[in-house]
């Protein structure tokens, strides 16, 4: 993301916050989806040609009134937000660091209409591989790597 994009996002946040406080506008799901996409773009890390890693866990902190309103359809909302994030990752050719998750959290310090998206990376693949019966690609311990030669006597253990 270029310097002009960052300046634009900073100005957008500077203007949105005071208006949200004055007019007490409620947070809308489309605003959350937009911020999740922006957080993904902001935290994209190029690892090599054609490989850009992005966070996969997005915690959306909401003011108490917004949290209560949106939490009433929590499962549907998080499923839709996760799908929007996955679609964005595909469109931008990003590689999330694991399954995309969106979590809603209450933050008593925020006012109605104000929210924060906190992106993090969590690799839950180790647990998924084991659950799916797929081989675990972690390296075995050094003693496990030595296979006995056919017909050879077993090596004494230290």
Protein backbone atom coordinates (compact mmCIF):
# COMPACT_ATOMS: atom_id res chain seq x y z
CA UNK A 1 0.00 0.00 0.00
CA UNK A 2 1.44 3.36 -1.03
CA UNK A 3 1.98 6.45 1.05
CA UNK A 4 -0.98 8.23 -0.55
CA UNK A 5 -3.29 5.33 0.35
CA UNK A 6 -2.13 5.53 3.96
CA UNK A 7 -2.68 9.28 4.09
CA UNK A 8 -6.14 8.83 2.59
CA UNK A 9 -7.05 6.16 5.17
CA UNK A 10 -5.76 8.36 7.99
CA UNK A 11 -7.87 11.29 6.81
CA UNK A 12 -10.89 9.02 6.42
CA UNK A 13 -10.55 7.83 10.01
CA UNK A 14 -10.03 11.38 11.28
CA UNK A 15 -13.27 12.50 9.64
CA UNK A 16 -15.36 9.40 10.45
CA UNK A 17 -14.75 9.36 14.21
CA UNK A 18 -16.12 12.84 15.02
CA UNK A 19 -19.16 12.34 12.79
CA UNK A 20 -19.92 8.98 14.37
CA UNK A 21 -19.72 10.57 17.83
CA UNK A 22 -21.96 13.50 16.91
CA UNK A 23 -24.59 11.58 14.97
CA UNK A 24 -24.42 8.31 16.93
CA UNK A 25 -24.64 6.27 13.74
CA UNK A 26 -24.72 2.54 14.33
CA UNK A 27 -22.02 0.35 12.83
CA UNK A 28 -23.19 -1.44 9.69
CA UNK A 29 -21.86 -4.85 8.58
CA UNK A 30 -20.72 -3.40 5.24
CA UNK A 31 -18.42 -1.01 7.15
CA UNK A 32 -16.92 -3.93 9.06
CA UNK A 33 -16.33 -5.89 5.82
CA UNK A 34 -14.60 -2.87 4.32
CA UNK A 35 -12.32 -2.50 7.35
CA UNK A 36 -11.47 -6.21 7.36
CA UNK A 37 -10.43 -5.95 3.69
CA UNK A 38 -8.39 -2.82 4.46
CA UNK A 39 -6.71 -4.55 7.41
CA UNK A 40 -5.82 -7.43 5.14
CA UNK A 41 -4.31 -5.03 2.58
CA UNK A 42 -2.42 -3.08 5.26
CA UNK A 43 -0.81 -6.20 6.74
CA UNK A 44 0.03 -8.01 3.47
CA UNK A 45 3.59 -9.34 3.47
CA UNK A 46 5.24 -10.40 0.23
CA UNK A 47 7.17 -13.63 0.80
CA UNK A 48 8.21 -14.22 -2.77
CA UNK A 49 6.94 -14.16 -6.33
CA UNK A 50 3.23 -14.86 -6.27
CA UNK A 51 3.12 -15.42 -2.51
CA UNK A 52 1.66 -12.71 -0.30
CA UNK A 53 0.71 -13.68 3.25
CA UNK A 54 -2.07 -11.88 5.10
CA UNK A 55 -3.59 -12.19 8.58
CA UNK A 56 -6.41 -14.67 8.96
CA UNK A 57 -8.01 -13.75 12.30
CA UNK A 58 -9.86 -10.46 12.61
CA UNK A 59 -11.20 -9.35 15.98
CA UNK A 60 -13.83 -6.66 15.56
CA UNK A 61 -14.15 -4.55 18.72
CA UNK A 62 -17.52 -2.85 19.00
CA UNK A 63 -19.14 -0.35 21.32
CA UNK A 64 -21.59 -1.99 23.77
CA UNK A 65 -24.72 -0.85 21.89
CA UNK A 66 -23.35 -1.98 18.51
CA UNK A 67 -22.16 -5.27 19.99
CA UNK A 68 -25.57 -6.05 21.48
CA UNK A 69 -27.33 -5.26 18.20
CA UNK A 70 -24.94 -7.22 15.97
CA UNK A 71 -24.42 -10.13 18.36
CA UNK A 72 -28.09 -11.05 17.95
CA UNK A 73 -27.21 -12.52 14.53
CA UNK A 74 -23.60 -13.36 15.37
CA UNK A 75 -23.22 -16.63 13.42
CA UNK A 76 -24.71 -15.32 10.19
CA UNK A 77 -22.73 -12.08 10.40
CA UNK A 78 -19.37 -13.73 11.08
CA UNK A 79 -19.96 -16.28 8.30
CA UNK A 80 -20.69 -13.48 5.81
CA UNK A 81 -17.69 -11.42 6.95
CA UNK A 82 -15.41 -14.45 6.66
CA UNK A 83 -16.72 -15.13 3.14
CA UNK A 84 -16.11 -11.49 2.15
CA UNK A 85 -12.54 -11.69 3.51
CA UNK A 86 -11.89 -14.96 1.68
CA UNK A 87 -13.26 -13.49 -1.57
CA UNK A 88 -10.97 -10.49 -1.17
CA UNK A 89 -7.98 -12.76 -0.53
CA UNK A 90 -8.73 -14.73 -3.70
CA UNK A 91 -9.24 -11.56 -5.76
CA UNK A 92 -5.93 -10.09 -4.54
CA UNK A 93 -4.11 -13.45 -4.72
CA UNK A 94 -3.33 -13.33 -1.01
CA UNK A 95 -2.51 -16.40 1.07
CA UNK A 96 -4.09 -16.22 4.53
CA UNK A 97 -1.95 -17.83 7.23
CA UNK A 98 -4.81 -20.22 8.08
CA UNK A 99 -8.59 -20.44 7.94
CA UNK A 100 -10.15 -16.96 7.95
CA UNK A 101 -11.98 -16.15 11.20
CA UNK A 102 -13.89 -13.05 12.26
CA UNK A 103 -14.63 -12.57 15.95
CA UNK A 104 -16.87 -9.96 17.52
CA UNK A 105 -15.78 -8.48 20.84
CA UNK A 106 -17.27 -5.86 23.12
CA UNK A 107 -15.12 -2.85 24.01
CA UNK A 108 -16.68 -0.66 26.69
CA UNK A 109 -14.33 2.22 25.84
CA UNK A 110 -15.79 2.70 22.34
CA UNK A 111 -18.79 4.86 21.54
CA UNK A 112 -21.70 3.89 19.31
CA UNK A 113 -20.67 3.93 15.67
CA UNK A 114 -16.97 3.44 16.41
CA UNK A 115 -15.26 0.10 15.99
CA UNK A 116 -11.75 -1.32 15.60
CA UNK A 117 -10.49 -4.28 13.61
CA UNK A 118 -7.47 -6.06 15.07
CA UNK A 119 -5.86 -8.45 12.56
CA UNK A 120 -3.66 -11.31 13.73
CA UNK A 121 -2.26 -14.46 12.22
CA UNK A 122 -3.01 -17.86 13.64
CA UNK A 123 -1.86 -21.07 12.01
CA UNK A 124 -4.40 -23.67 13.02
CA UNK A 125 -3.19 -26.00 10.28
CA UNK A 126 -1.38 -28.39 12.64
CA UNK A 127 -4.63 -29.25 14.38
CA UNK A 128 -6.54 -29.51 11.10
CA UNK A 129 -3.93 -31.85 9.59
CA UNK A 130 -4.11 -34.19 12.58
CA UNK A 131 -7.90 -34.11 12.58
CA UNK A 132 -8.06 -34.82 8.85
CA UNK A 133 -5.61 -37.71 9.12
CA UNK A 134 -3.07 -35.90 6.95
CA UNK A 135 0.60 -36.42 7.71
CA UNK A 136 2.20 -34.00 10.14
CA UNK A 137 5.11 -32.36 8.30
CA UNK A 138 7.03 -31.45 11.45
CA UNK A 139 10.54 -32.87 11.66
CA UNK A 140 10.94 -35.98 13.77
CA UNK A 141 13.33 -35.92 16.70
CA UNK A 142 16.96 -36.72 15.74
CA UNK A 143 16.81 -40.23 17.24
CA UNK A 144 13.67 -40.99 15.19
CA UNK A 145 15.39 -40.16 11.90
CA UNK A 146 17.89 -43.02 12.05
CA UNK A 147 16.31 -46.07 10.54
CA UNK A 148 18.06 -49.33 11.34
CA UNK A 149 19.87 -50.97 8.45
CA UNK A 150 18.45 -54.31 7.43
CA UNK A 151 20.28 -57.07 9.31
CA UNK A 152 22.12 -54.62 11.60
CA UNK A 153 22.05 -54.90 15.36
CA UNK A 154 19.99 -52.23 17.12
CA UNK A 155 21.97 -49.18 18.29
CA UNK A 156 22.20 -48.71 22.05
CA UNK A 157 20.09 -45.88 23.39
CA UNK A 158 21.93 -43.12 25.31
